[in-house]
Amino acid sequence: MSEEKIIRLLMEILTGLNDINKKLEKMAEQNYCIESSPRERPRYNQILESVNKEPIKNK
């Protein structure tokens, strides 16, 4: 593969990652409020539970 093709491929990958990052930031702004109580953030807790693989207990 030529250097030009590799550079073009890397640029496409970076552009795609940048688009994904922007979408994630927008989702975070809409769905998650750090200051709200855990009971008001069920989706946030569900995501954390799936990542941590152990239940999160509400205080």
C-alpha atoms as a PDB file:
ATOM      1  CA  MET A   1       0.000   0.000   0.000  1.00  0.00           C
ATOM      2  CA  SER A   2       1.406   3.376  -0.956  1.00  0.00           C
ATOM      3  CA  GLU A   3       2.143   6.068   1.599  1.00  0.00           C
ATOM      4  CA  GLU A   4      -0.565   8.283   0.093  1.00  0.00           C
ATOM      5  CA  LYS A   5      -3.221   5.559   0.497  1.00  0.00           C
ATOM      6  CA  ILE A   6      -2.162   4.925   4.101  1.00  0.00           C
ATOM      7  CA  ILE A   7      -2.383   8.636   4.911  1.00  0.00           C
ATOM      8  CA  ARG A   8      -5.819   8.869   3.263  1.00  0.00           C
ATOM      9  CA  LEU A   9      -7.023   5.825   5.222  1.00  0.00           C
ATOM     10  CA  LEU A  10      -5.729   7.249   8.504  1.00  0.00           C
ATOM     11  CA  MET A  11      -7.440  10.569   7.782  1.00  0.00           C
ATOM     12  CA  GLU A  12     -10.746   8.747   7.175  1.00  0.00           C
ATOM     13  CA  ILE A  13     -10.347   6.836  10.443  1.00  0.00           C
ATOM     14  CA  LEU A  14      -9.567  10.021  12.375  1.00  0.00           C
ATOM     15  CA  THR A  15     -12.539  11.805  10.814  1.00  0.00           C
ATOM     16  CA  GLY A  16     -14.796   8.899  11.795  1.00  0.00           C
ATOM     17  CA  LEU A  17     -13.472   8.876  15.355  1.00  0.00           C
ATOM     18  CA  ASN A  18     -13.976  12.630  15.598  1.00  0.00           C
ATOM     19  CA  ASP A  19     -17.598  12.252  14.442  1.00  0.00           C
ATOM     20  CA  ILE A  20     -18.174   9.504  17.026  1.00  0.00           C
ATOM     21  CA  ASN A  21     -16.643  11.673  19.755  1.00  0.00           C
ATOM     22  CA  LYS A  22     -18.915  14.609  18.861  1.00  0.00           C
ATOM     23  CA  LYS A  23     -21.983  12.344  18.992  1.00  0.00           C
ATOM     24  CA  LEU A  24     -20.921  10.933  22.374  1.00  0.00           C
ATOM     25  CA  GLU A  25     -20.389  14.423  23.772  1.00  0.00           C
ATOM     26  CA  LYS A  26     -23.848  15.467  22.557  1.00  0.00           C
ATOM     27  CA  MET A  27     -25.393  12.338  24.119  1.00  0.00           C
ATOM     28  CA  ALA A  28     -23.616  13.027  27.402  1.00  0.00           C
ATOM     29  CA  GLU A  29     -24.962  16.581  27.494  1.00  0.00           C
ATOM     30  CA  GLN A  30     -28.523  15.376  26.872  1.00  0.00           C
ATOM     31  CA  ASN A  31     -28.676  12.295  29.077  1.00  0.00           C
ATOM     32  CA  TYR A  32     -26.401  12.667  32.041  1.00  0.00           C
ATOM     33  CA  CYS A  33     -26.392  15.324  34.697  1.00  0.00           C
ATOM     34  CA  ILE A  34     -23.621  14.840  37.250  1.00  0.00           C
ATOM     35  CA  GLU A  35     -25.458  16.852  39.904  1.00  0.00           C
ATOM     36  CA  SER A  36     -28.710  14.873  39.747  1.00  0.00           C
ATOM     37  CA  SER A  37     -29.330  12.043  42.168  1.00  0.00           C
ATOM     38  CA  PRO A  38     -28.648   8.453  41.029  1.00  0.00           C
ATOM     39  CA  ARG A  39     -32.397   7.739  41.046  1.00  0.00           C
ATOM     40  CA  GLU A  40     -32.865  10.431  38.416  1.00  0.00           C
ATOM     41  CA  ARG A  41     -30.202   8.836  36.211  1.00  0.00           C
ATOM     42  CA  PRO A  42     -31.354   5.246  35.625  1.00  0.00           C
ATOM     43  CA  ARG A  43     -29.759   4.986  32.168  1.00  0.00           C
ATOM     44  CA  TYR A  44     -26.442   6.287  33.501  1.00  0.00           C
ATOM     45  CA  ASN A  45     -26.506   3.692  36.289  1.00  0.00           C
ATOM     46  CA  GLN A  46     -27.423   0.954  33.813  1.00  0.00           C
ATOM     47  CA  ILE A  47     -24.406   1.817  31.670  1.00  0.00           C
ATOM     48  CA  LEU A  48     -22.096   1.884  34.702  1.00  0.00           C
ATOM     49  CA  GLU A  49     -23.428  -1.470  35.877  1.00  0.00           C
ATOM     50  CA  SER A  50     -22.763  -3.037  32.495  1.00  0.00           C
ATOM     51  CA  VAL A  51     -19.228  -1.645  32.504  1.00  0.00           C
ATOM     52  CA  ASN A  52     -18.450  -2.541  36.119  1.00  0.00           C
ATOM     53  CA  LYS A  53     -20.336  -5.874  36.000  1.00  0.00           C
ATOM     54  CA  GLU A  54     -21.585  -5.316  39.533  1.00  0.00           C
ATOM     55  CA  PRO A  55     -24.741  -3.575  40.721  1.00  0.00           C
ATOM     56  CA  ILE A  56     -24.584   0.026  41.827  1.00  0.00           C
ATOM     57  CA  LYS A  57     -26.390   0.659  45.095  1.00  0.00           C
ATOM     58  CA  ASN A  58     -28.300   3.910  45.465  1.00  0.00           C
ATOM     59  CA  LYS A  59     -27.519   5.748  48.680  1.00  0.00           C
END
